[in-house]
Amino acid sequence: MTLPGVHAALVHYPVRDRAGATATSAITNVDVHDLARSCRTYGLSGYWVVSPIAAQRLLVDRILEHWRTGSGARRVPERTKALSICRPSESLDAVVEAVGEREGMAPEIWVTEARSHDEGRPTTSWGDARRLLSERTRPVLVLFGTAHGLHSSVLSRALVTVAPIEPEAEFNHLSVRAAAAVTFDRLLGAR
């Protein structure tokens, strides 16, 4: 039996700003293509970059065009393959709908957080999350937040909140690109 796909979304809205208020963050070129490379490396079925701002989605389209058909495609064809699974989206709801159409059923939403927030949400250990992922019957959409993390309205939609990445050192300020790669390796990497 083939398991339903695992998808990822990089959410730029709604996220939290430094004070915890609702914010929209800016899309960066490096996040678009580096997350796509990690998604493709670990066999994800799709990757979305979410922003309600049309100009930001246009930026994603231009980045994708450069790496799919522009000079980037001729210079680094591997990136063309990686970016083939990337799409801009205006909202998380639109991503859920797109994954549902592609997979034939709505996905489970899984979220990641950089730090533990005591808001009554239990977290799932990496081992348990890996087991749940291998036993699933529905597609999974793993969300990554930008700025200071996913807004509570997004976190509340999650079926699974994966435990934060906790390095040995006190310092924990990974880029979202690095956190996504660690997450994919812990959930999908060879063991």
Protein backbone atom coordinates (compact mmCIF):
# COMPACT_ATOMS: atom_id res chain seq x y z
CA MET A 1 0.00 0.00 0.00
CA THR A 2 1.30 3.45 -0.90
CA LEU A 3 1.01 5.98 1.90
CA PRO A 4 -0.56 9.37 1.20
CA GLY A 5 1.95 12.11 0.58
CA VAL A 6 3.73 14.40 2.98
CA HIS A 7 3.63 18.08 2.05
CA ALA A 8 5.15 21.20 3.61
CA ALA A 9 4.23 24.86 3.73
CA LEU A 10 6.30 27.85 4.72
CA VAL A 11 3.79 30.24 6.31
CA HIS A 12 4.35 34.00 6.11
CA TYR A 13 0.86 34.82 7.40
CA PRO A 14 -0.50 34.54 9.99
CA VAL A 15 2.67 34.56 12.06
CA ARG A 16 3.74 36.38 15.23
CA ASP A 17 5.94 39.42 15.43
CA ARG A 18 8.45 40.01 18.24
CA ALA A 19 5.66 41.24 20.56
CA GLY A 20 3.40 38.28 19.75
CA ALA A 21 0.98 40.26 17.55
CA THR A 22 -0.31 38.95 14.22
CA ALA A 23 2.07 39.76 11.40
CA THR A 24 2.96 39.05 7.78
CA SER A 25 6.62 38.36 7.06
CA ALA A 26 8.57 38.88 3.85
CA ILE A 27 9.48 36.03 1.53
CA THR A 28 13.19 35.47 0.90
CA ASN A 29 14.77 33.89 -2.14
CA VAL A 30 16.94 31.54 -0.11
CA ASP A 31 13.95 30.15 1.86
CA VAL A 32 12.09 29.38 -1.36
CA HIS A 33 14.80 27.32 -3.01
CA ASP A 34 16.53 25.86 0.05
CA LEU A 35 13.31 24.45 1.50
CA ALA A 36 12.39 23.09 -1.93
CA ARG A 37 15.73 21.29 -2.07
CA SER A 38 15.15 19.74 1.37
CA CYS A 39 11.57 18.79 0.49
CA ARG A 40 12.68 17.09 -2.70
CA THR A 41 15.61 15.36 -0.99
CA TYR A 42 13.29 13.78 1.59
CA GLY A 43 10.61 12.83 -0.93
CA LEU A 44 7.86 15.29 -0.04
CA SER A 45 4.99 15.50 -2.50
CA GLY A 46 4.56 19.27 -2.43
CA TYR A 47 5.87 22.52 -0.96
CA TRP A 48 3.92 25.77 -0.69
CA VAL A 49 5.03 29.29 0.20
CA VAL A 50 2.08 31.08 1.82
CA SER A 51 1.56 34.85 1.68
CA PRO A 52 -1.60 36.94 1.27
CA ILE A 53 0.41 39.67 -0.46
CA ALA A 54 0.18 39.40 -4.26
CA ALA A 55 3.57 41.08 -4.80
CA GLN A 56 5.21 38.48 -2.53
CA ARG A 57 3.61 35.60 -4.46
CA LEU A 58 4.81 37.25 -7.67
CA LEU A 59 8.32 37.20 -6.19
CA VAL A 60 7.96 33.44 -5.65
CA ASP A 61 6.80 33.05 -9.26
CA ARG A 62 9.87 34.98 -10.47
CA ILE A 63 12.21 32.88 -8.34
CA LEU A 64 10.59 29.71 -9.68
CA GLU A 65 10.81 30.96 -13.26
CA HIS A 66 14.53 31.71 -12.87
CA TRP A 67 15.25 28.19 -11.59
CA ARG A 68 12.78 26.33 -13.82
CA THR A 69 13.26 27.98 -17.21
CA GLY A 70 15.71 30.88 -16.81
CA SER A 71 19.47 30.97 -16.57
CA GLY A 72 19.36 29.18 -13.20
CA ALA A 73 17.84 26.13 -14.90
CA ARG A 74 20.72 25.95 -17.36
CA ARG A 75 23.39 26.48 -14.69
CA VAL A 76 21.99 24.27 -11.90
CA PRO A 77 19.48 21.76 -13.34
CA GLU A 78 19.16 19.95 -9.98
CA ARG A 79 17.40 23.01 -8.60
CA THR A 80 14.88 22.84 -11.44
CA LYS A 81 13.91 19.39 -10.25
CA ALA A 82 13.68 20.51 -6.61
CA LEU A 83 11.60 23.58 -7.40
CA SER A 84 9.15 21.58 -9.50
CA ILE A 85 7.22 20.80 -6.29
CA CYS A 86 7.04 24.45 -5.08
CA ARG A 87 3.97 26.65 -5.44
CA PRO A 88 3.00 30.05 -4.03
CA SER A 89 -0.35 30.25 -2.24
CA GLU A 90 -2.46 33.09 -0.88
CA SER A 91 -3.58 31.26 2.25
CA LEU A 92 -3.25 28.17 4.37
CA ASP A 93 -6.84 27.28 3.48
CA ALA A 94 -5.90 27.32 -0.21
CA VAL A 95 -2.98 24.98 0.52
CA VAL A 96 -5.21 22.57 2.45
CA GLU A 97 -7.63 22.58 -0.47
CA ALA A 98 -4.85 22.00 -3.03
CA VAL A 99 -3.38 19.10 -1.04
CA GLY A 100 -6.88 17.63 -0.64
CA GLU A 101 -7.49 17.83 -4.39
CA ARG A 102 -4.12 16.29 -5.19
CA GLU A 103 -4.38 13.50 -2.59
CA GLY A 104 -8.13 12.84 -2.72
CA MET A 105 -8.63 13.75 0.97
CA ALA A 106 -7.87 16.62 3.30
CA PRO A 107 -4.48 16.49 5.01
CA GLU A 108 -3.71 16.25 8.68
CA ILE A 109 -2.03 19.48 9.76
CA TRP A 110 1.21 19.10 11.70
CA VAL A 111 3.06 22.08 13.12
CA THR A 112 6.54 22.74 14.35
CA GLU A 113 7.65 25.28 16.91
CA ALA A 114 11.10 26.64 17.70
CA ARG A 115 10.40 26.85 21.43
CA SER A 116 8.00 25.23 23.84
CA HIS A 117 5.03 27.47 24.55
CA ASP A 118 2.90 26.46 27.50
CA GLU A 119 -0.47 27.12 25.88
CA GLY A 120 -2.07 23.80 26.75
CA ARG A 121 -1.03 22.10 23.51
CA PRO A 122 0.68 18.79 24.06
CA THR A 123 3.72 18.10 21.92
CA THR A 124 4.55 14.84 20.23
CA SER A 125 8.04 13.42 20.59
CA TRP A 126 10.12 12.88 17.47
CA GLY A 127 9.90 9.10 17.86
CA ASP A 128 6.13 9.15 18.24
CA ALA A 129 5.77 11.57 15.33
CA ARG A 130 7.87 9.28 13.13
CA ARG A 131 5.67 6.32 14.12
CA LEU A 132 2.46 8.29 13.46
CA LEU A 133 3.79 9.35 10.09
CA SER A 134 4.49 5.74 9.10
CA GLU A 135 0.98 4.65 10.19
CA ARG A 136 -1.04 7.47 8.66
CA THR A 137 -3.96 6.97 6.30
CA ARG A 138 -4.29 10.63 5.32
CA PRO A 139 -1.81 13.03 3.73
CA VAL A 140 0.17 15.24 6.11
CA LEU A 141 0.85 18.95 5.73
CA VAL A 142 3.79 20.08 7.89
CA LEU A 143 3.77 23.82 8.59
CA PHE A 144 6.80 25.97 9.29
CA GLY A 145 6.43 29.51 10.57
CA THR A 146 8.50 32.55 9.76
CA ALA A 147 9.08 35.71 11.86
CA HIS A 148 8.56 34.66 15.50
CA GLY A 149 6.52 31.56 14.74
CA LEU A 150 3.10 30.44 13.67
CA HIS A 151 0.13 32.40 14.99
CA SER A 152 -2.09 30.68 17.56
CA SER A 153 -4.91 30.50 14.98
CA VAL A 154 -2.68 28.22 12.90
CA LEU A 155 -1.36 26.23 15.85
CA SER A 156 -4.92 25.50 16.99
CA ARG A 157 -5.65 23.74 13.66
CA ALA A 158 -2.90 21.17 14.17
CA LEU A 159 -3.54 17.53 14.84
CA VAL A 160 0.13 17.07 15.79
CA THR A 161 2.55 19.58 17.31
CA VAL A 162 6.04 18.14 16.99
CA ALA A 163 8.36 18.81 19.93
CA PRO A 164 10.84 21.65 19.38
CA ILE A 165 14.32 20.86 18.14
CA GLU A 166 16.35 21.08 21.31
CA PRO A 167 20.09 21.15 20.77
CA GLU A 168 22.53 20.44 23.59
CA ALA A 169 23.51 24.10 23.79
CA GLU A 170 21.28 26.76 25.34
CA PHE A 171 21.32 28.76 22.11
CA ASN A 172 18.50 27.80 19.72
CA HIS A 173 17.97 30.20 16.86
CA LEU A 174 18.00 28.01 13.76
CA SER A 175 16.96 29.45 10.43
CA VAL A 176 13.67 28.04 9.16
CA ARG A 177 15.68 26.36 6.38
CA ALA A 178 17.85 24.50 8.88
CA ALA A 179 14.90 23.64 11.13
CA ALA A 180 12.98 22.21 8.16
CA ALA A 181 15.94 20.06 7.12
CA VAL A 182 16.32 18.72 10.68
CA THR A 183 12.57 18.07 10.85
CA PHE A 184 12.51 16.17 7.55
CA ASP A 185 15.52 14.10 8.57
CA ARG A 186 14.05 13.22 11.97
CA LEU A 187 10.66 12.31 10.47
CA LEU A 188 11.64 10.77 7.13
CA GLY A 189 15.38 10.08 7.17
CA ALA A 190 16.92 6.61 7.14
CA ARG A 191 17.25 5.01 10.58
